[in-house]
Amino acid sequence: MKTANRPLDARRSEEIRKRKRLAIRKTPFARLVREIVHDIKGEHFAMEHMALLALQEAAENFIVYLFQASQVLFLRGKRATLHHTDIQLIRHILTIFPPEYHRALMYGNGEEGVKEGAEKAPESSHAAEDSEIKSDGHD
C-alpha cells in the first residue's frame, strides 16, 4: 500500500493521537533513547519502564501535533506534499508563543486551552528573524 503522496487526514491524525497503543515499537524507541542519553552524557543510565513509556507517549503526541500543524501550511499552499520547510516554520512559530498557547493556536478555539493568567503572548525574542521569513509565493 503506497501512502507517500496521500495527504494526512486531520481526523486520522486525531485518532492516532487519541488511541491508547503506541505507534512506535517500544524496544527500538528505548534503544534510541538510551543511545541519545549515552551520546549526551557519555555514560549509560538505567531507566524505569514507566519513564520510557511516558517519554514515548509524549514524543509520539508531539510528532502528531507537529505534523497536524504542518499540514495547515501545505494545504494552504495548495500543495499535496509536506516540505521540510513547513516543519521548520511550525517549529519557529512555536518558539514565539509560550507552550500554554500552542493548543489554542492549533485548534483555533480562542482562549480555551490557555492557562489562566496568560493574558497575551510575550514579545518575540526573534524579532529580526521574524522579519526575515520569506514567502514562497503561495500567499
N, C-alpha and C. Protein backbone atom coordinates (compact mmCIF):
# COMPACT_ATOMS: atom_id res chain seq x y z
N MET A 1 0.84 -1.18 0.00
CA MET A 1 0.00 0.00 0.00
C MET A 1 0.88 1.24 0.00
N LYS A 2 0.77 2.05 -1.02
CA LYS A 2 1.57 3.26 -1.13
C LYS A 2 0.81 4.41 -0.48
N THR A 3 1.45 5.08 0.49
CA THR A 3 0.80 6.18 1.19
C THR A 3 1.61 7.46 1.16
N ALA A 4 2.72 7.46 0.44
CA ALA A 4 3.63 8.61 0.48
C ALA A 4 2.97 9.90 0.01
N ASN A 5 2.10 9.83 -1.00
CA ASN A 5 1.51 11.04 -1.54
C ASN A 5 0.10 11.32 -1.02
N ARG A 6 -0.37 10.48 -0.09
CA ARG A 6 -1.71 10.68 0.44
C ARG A 6 -1.66 11.73 1.55
N PRO A 7 -2.48 12.80 1.45
CA PRO A 7 -2.45 13.82 2.50
C PRO A 7 -2.91 13.24 3.84
N LEU A 8 -2.36 13.79 4.91
CA LEU A 8 -2.73 13.36 6.25
C LEU A 8 -4.11 13.90 6.57
N ASP A 9 -5.05 13.01 6.79
CA ASP A 9 -6.40 13.39 7.14
C ASP A 9 -6.41 13.84 8.60
N ALA A 10 -6.97 15.01 8.87
CA ALA A 10 -6.97 15.55 10.23
C ALA A 10 -7.69 14.61 11.20
N ARG A 11 -8.77 13.98 10.74
CA ARG A 11 -9.47 13.04 11.62
C ARG A 11 -8.59 11.85 11.94
N ARG A 12 -7.86 11.36 10.94
CA ARG A 12 -6.98 10.20 11.14
C ARG A 12 -5.86 10.54 12.12
N SER A 13 -5.27 11.73 11.97
CA SER A 13 -4.19 12.10 12.88
C SER A 13 -4.71 12.29 14.30
N GLU A 14 -5.95 12.76 14.43
CA GLU A 14 -6.54 12.89 15.76
C GLU A 14 -6.80 11.51 16.37
N GLU A 15 -7.22 10.56 15.54
CA GLU A 15 -7.40 9.18 16.02
C GLU A 15 -6.08 8.61 16.51
N ILE A 16 -5.02 8.85 15.77
CA ILE A 16 -3.70 8.36 16.17
C ILE A 16 -3.31 8.97 17.51
N ARG A 17 -3.56 10.26 17.67
CA ARG A 17 -3.20 10.94 18.90
C ARG A 17 -3.98 10.41 20.10
N LYS A 18 -5.25 10.07 19.89
CA LYS A 18 -6.10 9.65 21.00
C LYS A 18 -6.01 8.16 21.33
N ARG A 19 -5.52 7.37 20.42
CA ARG A 19 -5.53 5.94 20.67
C ARG A 19 -4.61 5.57 21.82
N LYS A 20 -4.92 4.45 22.44
CA LYS A 20 -4.20 4.03 23.64
C LYS A 20 -2.85 3.41 23.33
N ARG A 21 -2.77 2.65 22.25
CA ARG A 21 -1.50 1.98 21.98
C ARG A 21 -0.55 2.92 21.24
N LEU A 22 0.72 2.65 21.40
CA LEU A 22 1.74 3.49 20.80
C LEU A 22 2.03 3.06 19.37
N ALA A 23 2.42 4.01 18.53
CA ALA A 23 2.69 3.72 17.12
C ALA A 23 4.09 3.15 16.91
N ILE A 24 5.04 3.60 17.71
CA ILE A 24 6.43 3.15 17.59
C ILE A 24 6.62 1.96 18.52
N ARG A 25 7.27 0.92 18.03
CA ARG A 25 7.53 -0.24 18.89
C ARG A 25 8.41 0.18 20.06
N LYS A 26 8.15 -0.41 21.22
CA LYS A 26 8.81 0.01 22.46
C LYS A 26 10.31 -0.27 22.47
N THR A 27 10.72 -1.43 21.99
CA THR A 27 12.14 -1.79 22.05
C THR A 27 13.02 -0.85 21.22
N PRO A 28 12.69 -0.58 19.95
CA PRO A 28 13.52 0.37 19.19
C PRO A 28 13.51 1.78 19.79
N PHE A 29 12.36 2.20 20.32
CA PHE A 29 12.30 3.53 20.94
C PHE A 29 13.21 3.58 22.16
N ALA A 30 13.16 2.55 23.00
CA ALA A 30 14.01 2.51 24.20
C ALA A 30 15.48 2.51 23.81
N ARG A 31 15.82 1.77 22.76
CA ARG A 31 17.20 1.73 22.29
C ARG A 31 17.65 3.11 21.83
N LEU A 32 16.79 3.81 21.11
CA LEU A 32 17.11 5.16 20.64
C LEU A 32 17.30 6.12 21.81
N VAL A 33 16.42 6.06 22.79
CA VAL A 33 16.53 6.94 23.96
C VAL A 33 17.85 6.68 24.68
N ARG A 34 18.17 5.42 24.89
CA ARG A 34 19.42 5.08 25.58
C ARG A 34 20.64 5.56 24.79
N GLU A 35 20.56 5.44 23.47
CA GLU A 35 21.67 5.90 22.62
C GLU A 35 21.83 7.42 22.72
N ILE A 36 20.71 8.14 22.69
CA ILE A 36 20.77 9.60 22.79
C ILE A 36 21.32 10.02 24.15
N VAL A 37 20.84 9.40 25.22
CA VAL A 37 21.34 9.72 26.56
C VAL A 37 22.83 9.43 26.65
N HIS A 38 23.25 8.32 26.08
CA HIS A 38 24.67 7.96 26.11
C HIS A 38 25.50 8.99 25.33
N ASP A 39 25.00 9.42 24.17
CA ASP A 39 25.71 10.41 23.36
C ASP A 39 25.83 11.75 24.09
N ILE A 40 24.80 12.12 24.83
CA ILE A 40 24.81 13.41 25.53
C ILE A 40 25.66 13.34 26.80
N LYS A 41 25.44 12.30 27.59
CA LYS A 41 26.10 12.20 28.90
C LYS A 41 27.39 11.39 28.87
N GLY A 42 27.57 10.57 27.86
CA GLY A 42 28.78 9.76 27.77
C GLY A 42 28.81 8.56 28.69
N GLU A 43 27.67 8.24 29.26
CA GLU A 43 27.59 7.08 30.13
C GLU A 43 26.19 6.47 30.01
N HIS A 44 26.05 5.26 30.53
CA HIS A 44 24.76 4.56 30.46
C HIS A 44 23.95 4.84 31.71
N PHE A 45 22.67 5.06 31.55
CA PHE A 45 21.76 5.28 32.67
C PHE A 45 20.69 4.20 32.64
N ALA A 46 20.31 3.75 33.81
CA ALA A 46 19.18 2.84 33.91
C ALA A 46 17.92 3.69 33.91
N MET A 47 16.91 3.26 33.16
CA MET A 47 15.65 4.00 33.10
C MET A 47 14.52 3.06 33.46
N GLU A 48 13.60 3.55 34.26
CA GLU A 48 12.43 2.76 34.61
C GLU A 48 11.54 2.60 33.39
N HIS A 49 10.83 1.48 33.35
CA HIS A 49 9.93 1.17 32.24
C HIS A 49 8.87 2.27 32.07
N MET A 50 8.30 2.72 33.19
CA MET A 50 7.25 3.75 33.11
C MET A 50 7.80 5.09 32.63
N ALA A 51 9.05 5.38 32.95
CA ALA A 51 9.67 6.62 32.46
C ALA A 51 9.82 6.57 30.95
N LEU A 52 10.25 5.43 30.42
CA LEU A 52 10.38 5.28 28.97
C LEU A 52 9.02 5.38 28.28
N LEU A 53 8.00 4.76 28.87
CA LEU A 53 6.65 4.83 28.28
C LEU A 53 6.13 6.27 28.27
N ALA A 54 6.36 7.00 29.36
CA ALA A 54 5.91 8.40 29.42
C ALA A 54 6.63 9.24 28.37
N LEU A 55 7.92 9.01 28.22
CA LEU A 55 8.71 9.73 27.22
C LEU A 55 8.23 9.39 25.81
N GLN A 56 7.95 8.12 25.57
CA GLN A 56 7.49 7.70 24.25
C GLN A 56 6.12 8.29 23.93
N GLU A 57 5.22 8.28 24.89
CA GLU A 57 3.89 8.85 24.66
C GLU A 57 3.99 10.34 24.35
N ALA A 58 4.81 11.05 25.10
CA ALA A 58 4.99 12.49 24.86
C ALA A 58 5.61 12.74 23.49
N ALA A 59 6.60 11.93 23.12
CA ALA A 59 7.27 12.09 21.82
C ALA A 59 6.29 11.84 20.68
N GLU A 60 5.50 10.78 20.79
CA GLU A 60 4.53 10.48 19.72
C GLU A 60 3.47 11.56 19.62
N ASN A 61 2.98 12.05 20.75
CA ASN A 61 1.99 13.13 20.73
C ASN A 61 2.57 14.38 20.07
N PHE A 62 3.82 14.70 20.38
CA PHE A 62 4.46 15.87 19.79
C PHE A 62 4.60 15.71 18.27
N ILE A 63 5.00 14.53 17.83
CA ILE A 63 5.17 14.29 16.39
C ILE A 63 3.85 14.46 15.66
N VAL A 64 2.77 13.89 16.21
CA VAL A 64 1.45 14.02 15.58
C VAL A 64 1.04 15.49 15.56
N TYR A 65 1.25 16.18 16.66
CA TYR A 65 0.92 17.61 16.76
C TYR A 65 1.70 18.41 15.72
N LEU A 66 2.98 18.12 15.58
CA LEU A 66 3.83 18.83 14.62
C LEU A 66 3.35 18.60 13.19
N PHE A 67 2.99 17.35 12.87
CA PHE A 67 2.50 17.06 11.52
C PHE A 67 1.14 17.69 11.27
N GLN A 68 0.26 17.71 12.27
CA GLN A 68 -1.04 18.35 12.10
C GLN A 68 -0.86 19.85 11.82
N ALA A 69 0.00 20.48 12.58
CA ALA A 69 0.23 21.91 12.39
C ALA A 69 0.89 22.18 11.03
N SER A 70 1.81 21.32 10.63
CA SER A 70 2.49 21.48 9.33
C SER A 70 1.53 21.27 8.18
N GLN A 71 0.54 20.42 8.39
CA GLN A 71 -0.45 20.15 7.34
C GLN A 71 -1.18 21.42 6.93
N VAL A 72 -1.43 22.29 7.88
CA VAL A 72 -2.11 23.55 7.59
C VAL A 72 -1.32 24.34 6.55
N LEU A 73 0.00 24.32 6.66
CA LEU A 73 0.83 25.08 5.72
C LEU A 73 0.78 24.52 4.31
N PHE A 74 0.94 23.20 4.18
CA PHE A 74 0.96 22.70 2.81
C PHE A 74 -0.42 22.69 2.18
N LEU A 75 -1.49 22.59 2.98
CA LEU A 75 -2.83 22.70 2.41
C LEU A 75 -3.14 24.14 2.00
N ARG A 76 -2.70 25.09 2.81
CA ARG A 76 -2.90 26.50 2.47
C ARG A 76 -2.14 26.86 1.20
N GLY A 77 -0.99 26.24 1.01
CA GLY A 77 -0.21 26.47 -0.19
C GLY A 77 -0.70 25.68 -1.39
N LYS A 78 -1.84 24.99 -1.21
CA LYS A 78 -2.45 24.18 -2.27
C LYS A 78 -1.46 23.15 -2.82
N ARG A 79 -0.70 22.56 -1.89
CA ARG A 79 0.25 21.51 -2.25
C ARG A 79 -0.22 20.19 -1.67
N ALA A 80 0.23 19.12 -2.25
CA ALA A 80 -0.09 17.79 -1.73
C ALA A 80 1.09 17.17 -1.00
N THR A 81 2.17 17.93 -0.89
CA THR A 81 3.39 17.39 -0.30
C THR A 81 3.83 18.26 0.87
N LEU A 82 4.22 17.60 1.95
CA LEU A 82 4.78 18.29 3.10
C LEU A 82 6.27 18.47 2.86
N HIS A 83 6.75 19.70 2.97
CA HIS A 83 8.16 20.01 2.80
C HIS A 83 8.81 20.20 4.16
N HIS A 84 10.11 19.99 4.23
CA HIS A 84 10.82 20.19 5.50
C HIS A 84 10.71 21.64 5.96
N THR A 85 10.54 22.55 5.03
CA THR A 85 10.41 23.96 5.41
C THR A 85 9.10 24.21 6.15
N ASP A 86 8.06 23.41 5.87
CA ASP A 86 6.79 23.53 6.61
C ASP A 86 7.02 23.22 8.08
N ILE A 87 7.74 22.14 8.34
CA ILE A 87 8.02 21.74 9.72
C ILE A 87 8.92 22.77 10.39
N GLN A 88 9.91 23.28 9.67
CA GLN A 88 10.80 24.29 10.24
C GLN A 88 10.03 25.55 10.61
N LEU A 89 9.09 25.96 9.77
CA LEU A 89 8.30 27.15 10.06
C LEU A 89 7.42 26.94 11.28
N ILE A 90 6.78 25.79 11.39
CA ILE A 90 5.96 25.49 12.57
C ILE A 90 6.81 25.50 13.82
N ARG A 91 7.99 24.90 13.76
CA ARG A 91 8.88 24.90 14.93
C ARG A 91 9.27 26.33 15.31
N HIS A 92 9.50 27.17 14.31
CA HIS A 92 9.84 28.57 14.57
C HIS A 92 8.66 29.29 15.22
N ILE A 93 7.46 29.09 14.69
CA ILE A 93 6.27 29.72 15.25
C ILE A 93 6.07 29.30 16.70
N LEU A 94 6.30 28.04 16.98
CA LEU A 94 6.11 27.54 18.35
C LEU A 94 7.11 28.15 19.33
N THR A 95 8.26 28.62 18.85
CA THR A 95 9.22 29.26 19.75
C THR A 95 8.77 30.67 20.12
N ILE A 96 7.91 31.26 19.32
CA ILE A 96 7.44 32.62 19.57
C ILE A 96 6.41 32.63 20.70
N PHE A 97 5.52 31.64 20.71
CA PHE A 97 4.44 31.59 21.69
C PHE A 97 4.78 30.64 22.83
N PRO A 98 4.36 30.98 24.05
CA PRO A 98 4.61 30.08 25.17
C PRO A 98 3.78 28.80 25.00
N PRO A 99 4.21 27.70 25.61
CA PRO A 99 3.53 26.41 25.42
C PRO A 99 2.04 26.42 25.72
N GLU A 100 1.59 27.23 26.67
CA GLU A 100 0.16 27.23 27.00
C GLU A 100 -0.70 27.76 25.86
N TYR A 101 -0.12 28.41 24.87
CA TYR A 101 -0.87 28.90 23.72
C TYR A 101 -0.90 27.91 22.55
N HIS A 102 -0.05 26.92 22.55
CA HIS A 102 0.08 26.03 21.40
C HIS A 102 -1.23 25.35 21.03
N ARG A 103 -1.93 24.80 21.99
CA ARG A 103 -3.18 24.09 21.70
C ARG A 103 -4.22 25.05 21.13
N ALA A 104 -4.34 26.23 21.74
CA ALA A 104 -5.32 27.21 21.25
C ALA A 104 -4.97 27.67 19.84
N LEU A 105 -3.70 27.85 19.55
CA LEU A 105 -3.28 28.27 18.21
C LEU A 105 -3.60 27.19 17.19
N MET A 106 -3.34 25.95 17.56
CA MET A 106 -3.53 24.88 16.60
C MET A 106 -4.99 24.62 16.29
N TYR A 107 -5.82 24.59 17.32
CA TYR A 107 -7.21 24.22 17.12
C TYR A 107 -8.12 25.43 16.94
N GLY A 108 -7.58 26.64 17.06
CA GLY A 108 -8.36 27.84 16.80
C GLY A 108 -9.52 28.05 17.74
N ASN A 109 -9.40 27.59 18.98
CA ASN A 109 -10.51 27.74 19.91
C ASN A 109 -10.24 28.85 20.91
N GLY A 110 -9.69 29.93 20.43
CA GLY A 110 -9.51 31.12 21.24
C GLY A 110 -8.74 30.88 22.51
N GLU A 111 -9.29 31.35 23.61
CA GLU A 111 -8.61 31.25 24.90
C GLU A 111 -8.79 29.88 25.54
N GLU A 112 -9.66 29.04 24.99
CA GLU A 112 -9.85 27.70 25.55
C GLU A 112 -8.54 26.93 25.43
N GLY A 113 -8.14 26.32 26.48
CA GLY A 113 -6.90 25.57 26.48
C GLY A 113 -5.70 26.40 26.91
N VAL A 114 -5.91 27.70 27.10
CA VAL A 114 -4.82 28.56 27.55
C VAL A 114 -4.89 28.64 29.07
N LYS A 115 -3.75 28.50 29.71
CA LYS A 115 -3.69 28.53 31.17
C LYS A 115 -4.17 29.88 31.68
N GLU A 116 -4.77 29.85 32.87
CA GLU A 116 -5.19 31.10 33.49
C GLU A 116 -3.97 31.97 33.77
N GLY A 117 -4.17 33.25 33.63
CA GLY A 117 -3.09 34.19 33.93
C GLY A 117 -2.22 34.50 32.72
N ALA A 118 -2.37 33.77 31.65
CA ALA A 118 -1.59 34.04 30.44
C ALA A 118 -2.43 34.94 29.55
N GLU A 119 -2.36 36.23 29.78
CA GLU A 119 -3.20 37.18 29.08
C GLU A 119 -2.83 37.36 27.63
N LYS A 120 -1.53 37.44 27.35
CA LYS A 120 -1.10 37.61 25.97
C LYS A 120 0.27 36.99 25.79
N ALA A 121 0.58 36.70 24.55
CA ALA A 121 1.89 36.12 24.25
C ALA A 121 2.95 37.19 24.43
N PRO A 122 4.11 36.82 24.96
CA PRO A 122 5.18 37.81 25.12
C PRO A 122 5.74 38.23 23.78
N GLU A 123 6.41 39.37 23.78
CA GLU A 123 7.07 39.84 22.57
C GLU A 123 8.08 38.80 22.12
N SER A 124 8.20 38.63 20.83
CA SER A 124 9.13 37.65 20.29
C SER A 124 10.56 38.08 20.52
N SER A 125 11.38 37.14 20.93
CA SER A 125 12.81 37.42 21.06
C SER A 125 13.50 37.22 19.72
N HIS A 126 12.71 36.86 18.73
CA HIS A 126 13.24 36.59 17.40
C HIS A 126 12.76 37.66 16.42
N ALA A 127 12.65 38.90 16.85
CA ALA A 127 12.09 39.95 16.01
C ALA A 127 12.83 40.09 14.69
N ALA A 128 14.15 40.03 14.73
CA ALA A 128 14.93 40.14 13.49
C ALA A 128 14.66 38.95 12.59
N GLU A 129 14.60 37.75 13.19
CA GLU A 129 14.33 36.55 12.40
C GLU A 129 12.93 36.60 11.82
N ASP A 130 11.94 37.10 12.62
CA ASP A 130 10.56 37.14 12.16
C ASP A 130 10.42 37.96 10.88
N SER A 131 11.17 39.07 10.80
CA SER A 131 11.05 39.92 9.63
C SER A 131 11.74 39.32 8.41
N GLU A 132 12.57 38.28 8.63
CA GLU A 132 13.30 37.67 7.52
C GLU A 132 12.60 36.46 6.93
N ILE A 133 11.46 36.04 7.52
CA ILE A 133 10.75 34.89 6.97
C ILE A 133 10.22 35.28 5.60
N LYS A 134 10.60 34.51 4.62
CA LYS A 134 10.25 34.84 3.25
C LYS A 134 9.07 34.00 2.79
N SER A 135 8.26 34.58 1.95
CA SER A 135 7.12 33.88 1.38
C SER A 135 7.59 33.08 0.18
N ASP A 136 6.95 31.91 -0.01
CA ASP A 136 7.29 31.10 -1.18
C ASP A 136 6.33 31.37 -2.34
N GLY A 137 5.55 32.47 -2.23
CA GLY A 137 4.67 32.86 -3.31
C GLY A 137 3.30 32.20 -3.25
N HIS A 138 2.96 31.54 -2.14
CA HIS A 138 1.67 30.87 -2.03
C HIS A 138 0.73 31.60 -1.10
N ASP A 139 0.87 32.91 -0.99
CA ASP A 139 0.01 33.68 -0.08
C ASP A 139 -1.38 33.83 -0.62
